[in-house]
Amino acid sequence: MAAYETSRAAPFGAISIFRFVQFASETGSKFAAWNDARVTRNALGKLSDRELDDIGLCRGDVDLIGR
């Protein structure tokens, strides 16, 4: 019975390109999360104390939620 090896080395530069794409993807995800938190903080910051109390928050919780 004969065995045939089917694995081969990655093309030149493939690993570097993969790492760059992975870095760009992670950076985009982090930016999106930061922007979502920023939008949430701004929206909650515009609410009155009464409106915040209606949803169970106080003014000091706005910064904690945005993190």
PDB file of N, CA and C in Angstrom:
ATOM      1  N   MET A   1       0.844  -1.161   0.000  1.00  0.00           N
ATOM      2  CA  MET A   1       0.000   0.000   0.000  1.00  0.00           C
ATOM      3  C   MET A   1       0.897   1.234   0.000  1.00  0.00           C
ATOM      4  N   ALA A   2       0.624   2.144  -0.880  1.00  0.00           N
ATOM      5  CA  ALA A   2       1.455   3.340  -1.026  1.00  0.00           C
ATOM      6  C   ALA A   2       0.758   4.532  -0.389  1.00  0.00           C
ATOM      7  N   ALA A   3       1.548   5.404   0.178  1.00  0.00           N
ATOM      8  CA  ALA A   3       1.025   6.633   0.772  1.00  0.00           C
ATOM      9  C   ALA A   3       1.480   7.805  -0.083  1.00  0.00           C
ATOM     10  N   TYR A   4       0.598   8.738  -0.290  1.00  0.00           N
ATOM     11  CA  TYR A   4       0.924   9.898  -1.117  1.00  0.00           C
ATOM     12  C   TYR A   4       0.751  11.155  -0.278  1.00  0.00           C
ATOM     13  N   GLU A   5       1.775  11.952  -0.181  1.00  0.00           N
ATOM     14  CA  GLU A   5       1.755  13.186   0.625  1.00  0.00           C
ATOM     15  C   GLU A   5       1.120  14.299  -0.199  1.00  0.00           C
ATOM     16  N   THR A   6       0.045  14.877   0.298  1.00  0.00           N
ATOM     17  CA  THR A   6      -0.665  15.906  -0.463  1.00  0.00           C
ATOM     18  C   THR A   6      -0.458  17.307   0.091  1.00  0.00           C
ATOM     19  N   SER A   7       0.251  17.447   1.182  1.00  0.00           N
ATOM     20  CA  SER A   7       0.453  18.778   1.746  1.00  0.00           C
ATOM     21  C   SER A   7       1.623  19.463   1.050  1.00  0.00           C
ATOM     22  N   ARG A   8       1.538  20.771   0.954  1.00  0.00           N
ATOM     23  CA  ARG A   8       2.631  21.533   0.360  1.00  0.00           C
ATOM     24  C   ARG A   8       2.733  22.877   1.076  1.00  0.00           C
ATOM     25  N   ALA A   9       3.823  23.535   0.889  1.00  0.00           N
ATOM     26  CA  ALA A   9       4.078  24.805   1.573  1.00  0.00           C
ATOM     27  C   ALA A   9       3.168  25.898   1.012  1.00  0.00           C
ATOM     28  N   ALA A  10       2.884  26.862   1.855  1.00  0.00           N
ATOM     29  CA  ALA A  10       2.075  28.001   1.424  1.00  0.00           C
ATOM     30  C   ALA A  10       2.873  28.849   0.439  1.00  0.00           C
ATOM     31  N   PRO A  11       2.178  29.488  -0.506  1.00  0.00           N
ATOM     32  CA  PRO A  11       2.881  30.340  -1.465  1.00  0.00           C
ATOM     33  C   PRO A  11       3.611  31.485  -0.766  1.00  0.00           C
ATOM     34  N   PHE A  12       4.614  32.024  -1.429  1.00  0.00           N
ATOM     35  CA  PHE A  12       5.422  33.091  -0.863  1.00  0.00           C
ATOM     36  C   PHE A  12       4.546  34.295  -0.539  1.00  0.00           C
ATOM     37  N   GLY A  13       4.613  34.771   0.694  1.00  0.00           N
ATOM     38  CA  GLY A  13       3.875  35.948   1.121  1.00  0.00           C
ATOM     39  C   GLY A  13       2.466  35.675   1.609  1.00  0.00           C
ATOM     40  N   ALA A  14       1.987  34.455   1.519  1.00  0.00           N
ATOM     41  CA  ALA A  14       0.614  34.150   1.912  1.00  0.00           C
ATOM     42  C   ALA A  14       0.392  34.383   3.408  1.00  0.00           C
ATOM     43  N   ILE A  15       1.350  34.029   4.216  1.00  0.00           N
ATOM     44  CA  ILE A  15       1.227  34.203   5.659  1.00  0.00           C
ATOM     45  C   ILE A  15       1.182  35.689   6.010  1.00  0.00           C
ATOM     46  N   SER A  16       2.034  36.478   5.361  1.00  0.00           N
ATOM     47  CA  SER A  16       2.058  37.920   5.621  1.00  0.00           C
ATOM     48  C   SER A  16       0.750  38.573   5.214  1.00  0.00           C
ATOM     49  N   ILE A  17       0.214  38.170   4.075  1.00  0.00           N
ATOM     50  CA  ILE A  17      -1.062  38.724   3.612  1.00  0.00           C
ATOM     51  C   ILE A  17      -2.178  38.323   4.561  1.00  0.00           C
ATOM     52  N   PHE A  18      -2.176  37.065   5.004  1.00  0.00           N
ATOM     53  CA  PHE A  18      -3.188  36.607   5.957  1.00  0.00           C
ATOM     54  C   PHE A  18      -3.125  37.408   7.246  1.00  0.00           C
ATOM     55  N   ARG A  19      -1.936  37.646   7.764  1.00  0.00           N
ATOM     56  CA  ARG A  19      -1.802  38.408   9.010  1.00  0.00           C
ATOM     57  C   ARG A  19      -2.242  39.854   8.835  1.00  0.00           C
ATOM     58  N   PHE A  20      -1.961  40.446   7.664  1.00  0.00           N
ATOM     59  CA  PHE A  20      -2.402  41.818   7.405  1.00  0.00           C
ATOM     60  C   PHE A  20      -3.925  41.895   7.341  1.00  0.00           C
ATOM     61  N   VAL A  21      -4.547  40.951   6.653  1.00  0.00           N
ATOM     62  CA  VAL A  21      -6.006  40.933   6.552  1.00  0.00           C
ATOM     63  C   VAL A  21      -6.623  40.703   7.921  1.00  0.00           C
ATOM     64  N   GLN A  22      -6.036  39.836   8.709  1.00  0.00           N
ATOM     65  CA  GLN A  22      -6.530  39.579  10.061  1.00  0.00           C
ATOM     66  C   GLN A  22      -6.406  40.835  10.922  1.00  0.00           C
ATOM     67  N   PHE A  23      -5.285  41.538  10.823  1.00  0.00           N
ATOM     68  CA  PHE A  23      -5.088  42.775  11.565  1.00  0.00           C
ATOM     69  C   PHE A  23      -6.111  43.824  11.149  1.00  0.00           C
ATOM     70  N   ALA A  24      -6.331  43.967   9.851  1.00  0.00           N
ATOM     71  CA  ALA A  24      -7.295  44.947   9.352  1.00  0.00           C
ATOM     72  C   ALA A  24      -8.707  44.603   9.827  1.00  0.00           C
ATOM     73  N   SER A  25      -9.041  43.337   9.836  1.00  0.00           N
ATOM     74  CA  SER A  25     -10.360  42.900  10.292  1.00  0.00           C
ATOM     75  C   SER A  25     -10.553  43.192  11.777  1.00  0.00           C
ATOM     76  N   GLU A  26      -9.539  42.885  12.583  1.00  0.00           N
ATOM     77  CA  GLU A  26      -9.618  43.154  14.024  1.00  0.00           C
ATOM     78  C   GLU A  26      -9.715  44.652  14.289  1.00  0.00           C
ATOM     79  N   THR A  27      -8.961  45.446  13.539  1.00  0.00           N
ATOM     80  CA  THR A  27      -9.005  46.897  13.708  1.00  0.00           C
ATOM     81  C   THR A  27     -10.388  47.427  13.362  1.00  0.00           C
ATOM     82  N   GLY A  28     -10.972  46.927  12.287  1.00  0.00           N
ATOM     83  CA  GLY A  28     -12.325  47.337  11.906  1.00  0.00           C
ATOM     84  C   GLY A  28     -13.352  46.954  12.947  1.00  0.00           C
ATOM     85  N   SER A  29     -13.219  45.778  13.520  1.00  0.00           N
ATOM     86  CA  SER A  29     -14.149  45.336  14.560  1.00  0.00           C
ATOM     87  C   SER A  29     -14.031  46.191  15.814  1.00  0.00           C
ATOM     88  N   LYS A  30     -12.790  46.521  16.187  1.00  0.00           N
ATOM     89  CA  LYS A  30     -12.589  47.367  17.368  1.00  0.00           C
ATOM     90  C   LYS A  30     -13.139  48.771  17.142  1.00  0.00           C
ATOM     91  N   PHE A  31     -12.964  49.294  15.936  1.00  0.00           N
ATOM     92  CA  PHE A  31     -13.493  50.613  15.621  1.00  0.00           C
ATOM     93  C   PHE A  31     -15.018  50.602  15.662  1.00  0.00           C
ATOM     94  N   ALA A  32     -15.638  49.552  15.130  1.00  0.00           N
ATOM     95  CA  ALA A  32     -17.096  49.456  15.148  1.00  0.00           C
ATOM     96  C   ALA A  32     -17.619  49.383  16.584  1.00  0.00           C
ATOM     97  N   ALA A  33     -16.954  48.623  17.439  1.00  0.00           N
ATOM     98  CA  ALA A  33     -17.370  48.521  18.842  1.00  0.00           C
ATOM     99  C   ALA A  33     -17.216  49.864  19.551  1.00  0.00           C
ATOM    100  N   TRP A  34     -16.110  50.568  19.282  1.00  0.00           N
ATOM    101  CA  TRP A  34     -15.902  51.876  19.882  1.00  0.00           C
ATOM    102  C   TRP A  34     -16.981  52.858  19.426  1.00  0.00           C
ATOM    103  N   ASN A  35     -17.315  52.824  18.145  1.00  0.00           N
ATOM    104  CA  ASN A  35     -18.323  53.736  17.614  1.00  0.00           C
ATOM    105  C   ASN A  35     -19.701  53.428  18.191  1.00  0.00           C
ATOM    106  N   ASP A  36     -20.042  52.145  18.345  1.00  0.00           N
ATOM    107  CA  ASP A  36     -21.315  51.775  18.959  1.00  0.00           C
ATOM    108  C   ASP A  36     -21.405  52.288  20.391  1.00  0.00           C
ATOM    109  N   ALA A  37     -20.319  52.163  21.140  1.00  0.00           N
ATOM    110  CA  ALA A  37     -20.305  52.652  22.520  1.00  0.00           C
ATOM    111  C   ALA A  37     -20.438  54.173  22.551  1.00  0.00           C
ATOM    112  N   ARG A  38     -19.796  54.845  21.614  1.00  0.00           N
ATOM    113  CA  ARG A  38     -19.874  56.304  21.549  1.00  0.00           C
ATOM    114  C   ARG A  38     -21.296  56.761  21.249  1.00  0.00           C
ATOM    115  N   VAL A  39     -21.953  56.112  20.306  1.00  0.00           N
ATOM    116  CA  VAL A  39     -23.330  56.462  19.951  1.00  0.00           C
ATOM    117  C   VAL A  39     -24.257  56.212  21.137  1.00  0.00           C
ATOM    118  N   THR A  40     -24.047  55.097  21.833  1.00  0.00           N
ATOM    119  CA  THR A  40     -24.869  54.779  23.006  1.00  0.00           C
ATOM    120  C   THR A  40     -24.689  55.819  24.101  1.00  0.00           C
ATOM    121  N   ARG A  41     -23.425  56.201  24.377  1.00  0.00           N
ATOM    122  CA  ARG A  41     -23.177  57.226  25.401  1.00  0.00           C
ATOM    123  C   ARG A  41     -23.843  58.542  25.033  1.00  0.00           C
ATOM    124  N   ASN A  42     -23.746  58.930  23.763  1.00  0.00           N
ATOM    125  CA  ASN A  42     -24.354  60.190  23.341  1.00  0.00           C
ATOM    126  C   ASN A  42     -25.871  60.149  23.468  1.00  0.00           C
ATOM    127  N   ALA A  43     -26.483  59.032  23.096  1.00  0.00           N
ATOM    128  CA  ALA A  43     -27.938  58.911  23.191  1.00  0.00           C
ATOM    129  C   ALA A  43     -28.397  58.939  24.642  1.00  0.00           C
ATOM    130  N   LEU A  44     -27.690  58.204  25.500  1.00  0.00           N
ATOM    131  CA  LEU A  44     -28.072  58.201  26.918  1.00  0.00           C
ATOM    132  C   LEU A  44     -27.784  59.542  27.572  1.00  0.00           C
ATOM    133  N   GLY A  45     -26.738  60.222  27.122  1.00  0.00           N
ATOM    134  CA  GLY A  45     -26.407  61.523  27.686  1.00  0.00           C
ATOM    135  C   GLY A  45     -27.448  62.585  27.393  1.00  0.00           C
ATOM    136  N   LYS A  46     -28.222  62.407  26.338  1.00  0.00           N
ATOM    137  CA  LYS A  46     -29.264  63.374  25.969  1.00  0.00           C
ATOM    138  C   LYS A  46     -30.558  63.173  26.745  1.00  0.00           C
ATOM    139  N   LEU A  47     -30.673  62.024  27.432  1.00  0.00           N
ATOM    140  CA  LEU A  47     -31.887  61.761  28.197  1.00  0.00           C
ATOM    141  C   LEU A  47     -31.884  62.544  29.501  1.00  0.00           C
ATOM    142  N   SER A  48     -33.074  62.862  29.968  1.00  0.00           N
ATOM    143  CA  SER A  48     -33.195  63.555  31.253  1.00  0.00           C
ATOM    144  C   SER A  48     -33.017  62.547  32.388  1.00  0.00           C
ATOM    145  N   ASP A  49     -32.845  63.065  33.604  1.00  0.00           N
ATOM    146  CA  ASP A  49     -32.703  62.179  34.764  1.00  0.00           C
ATOM    147  C   ASP A  49     -33.954  61.323  34.955  1.00  0.00           C
ATOM    148  N   ARG A  50     -35.110  61.899  34.671  1.00  0.00           N
ATOM    149  CA  ARG A  50     -36.373  61.165  34.803  1.00  0.00           C
ATOM    150  C   ARG A  50     -36.436  60.014  33.797  1.00  0.00           C
ATOM    151  N   GLU A  51     -36.020  60.278  32.570  1.00  0.00           N
ATOM    152  CA  GLU A  51     -36.034  59.232  31.548  1.00  0.00           C
ATOM    153  C   GLU A  51     -35.027  58.128  31.873  1.00  0.00           C
ATOM    154  N   LEU A  52     -33.875  58.511  32.381  1.00  0.00           N
ATOM    155  CA  LEU A  52     -32.890  57.507  32.795  1.00  0.00           C
ATOM    156  C   LEU A  52     -33.427  56.663  33.944  1.00  0.00           C
ATOM    157  N   ASP A  53     -34.130  57.304  34.875  1.00  0.00           N
ATOM    158  CA  ASP A  53     -34.707  56.576  35.999  1.00  0.00           C
ATOM    159  C   ASP A  53     -35.769  55.590  35.512  1.00  0.00           C
ATOM    160  N   ASP A  54     -36.506  55.951  34.471  1.00  0.00           N
ATOM    161  CA  ASP A  54     -37.522  55.056  33.911  1.00  0.00           C
ATOM    162  C   ASP A  54     -36.909  53.769  33.377  1.00  0.00           C
ATOM    163  N   ILE A  55     -35.710  53.825  32.852  1.00  0.00           N
ATOM    164  CA  ILE A  55     -35.080  52.616  32.332  1.00  0.00           C
ATOM    165  C   ILE A  55     -34.116  51.985  33.337  1.00  0.00           C
ATOM    166  N   GLY A  56     -34.113  52.498  34.560  1.00  0.00           N
ATOM    167  CA  GLY A  56     -33.339  51.887  35.634  1.00  0.00           C
ATOM    168  C   GLY A  56     -31.890  52.299  35.680  1.00  0.00           C
ATOM    169  N   LEU A  57     -31.578  53.481  35.177  1.00  0.00           N
ATOM    170  CA  LEU A  57     -30.200  53.971  35.192  1.00  0.00           C
ATOM    171  C   LEU A  57     -30.124  55.301  35.908  1.00  0.00           C
ATOM    172  N   CYS A  58     -28.917  55.652  36.316  1.00  0.00           N
ATOM    173  CA  CYS A  58     -28.678  56.989  36.841  1.00  0.00           C
ATOM    174  C   CYS A  58     -27.598  57.633  35.962  1.00  0.00           C
ATOM    175  N   ARG A  59     -27.384  58.913  36.158  1.00  0.00           N
ATOM    176  CA  ARG A  59     -26.443  59.656  35.312  1.00  0.00           C
ATOM    177  C   ARG A  59     -25.034  59.046  35.364  1.00  0.00           C
ATOM    178  N   GLY A  60     -24.639  58.518  36.489  1.00  0.00           N
ATOM    179  CA  GLY A  60     -23.311  57.916  36.619  1.00  0.00           C
ATOM    180  C   GLY A  60     -23.143  56.599  35.877  1.00  0.00           C
ATOM    181  N   ASP A  61     -24.254  55.947  35.545  1.00  0.00           N
ATOM    182  CA  ASP A  61     -24.178  54.669  34.832  1.00  0.00           C
ATOM    183  C   ASP A  61     -23.906  54.834  33.341  1.00  0.00           C
ATOM    184  N   VAL A  62     -24.105  56.032  32.817  1.00  0.00           N
ATOM    185  CA  VAL A  62     -23.953  56.251  31.380  1.00  0.00           C
ATOM    186  C   VAL A  62     -22.519  55.951  30.937  1.00  0.00           C
ATOM    187  N   ASP A  63     -21.533  56.412  31.673  1.00  0.00           N
ATOM    188  CA  ASP A  63     -20.138  56.166  31.310  1.00  0.00           C
ATOM    189  C   ASP A  63     -19.772  54.686  31.425  1.00  0.00           C
ATOM    190  N   LEU A  64     -20.352  53.997  32.409  1.00  0.00           N
ATOM    191  CA  LEU A  64     -20.051  52.579  32.588  1.00  0.00           C
ATOM    192  C   LEU A  64     -20.621  51.736  31.452  1.00  0.00           C
ATOM    193  N   ILE A  65     -21.796  52.114  30.972  1.00  0.00           N
ATOM    194  CA  ILE A  65     -22.439  51.349  29.899  1.00  0.00           C
ATOM    195  C   ILE A  65     -21.675  51.525  28.608  1.00  0.00           C
ATOM    196  N   GLY A  66     -21.129  52.697  28.383  1.00  0.00           N
ATOM    197  CA  GLY A  66     -20.418  52.970  27.150  1.00  0.00           C
ATOM    198  C   GLY A  66     -19.066  52.311  27.042  1.00  0.00           C
ATOM    199  N   ARG A  67     -18.577  51.724  28.083  1.00  0.00           N
ATOM    200  CA  ARG A  67     -17.243  51.107  28.039  1.00  0.00           C
ATOM    201  C   ARG A  67     -17.269  49.727  27.471  1.00  0.00           C
TER     202      ARG A  67
END
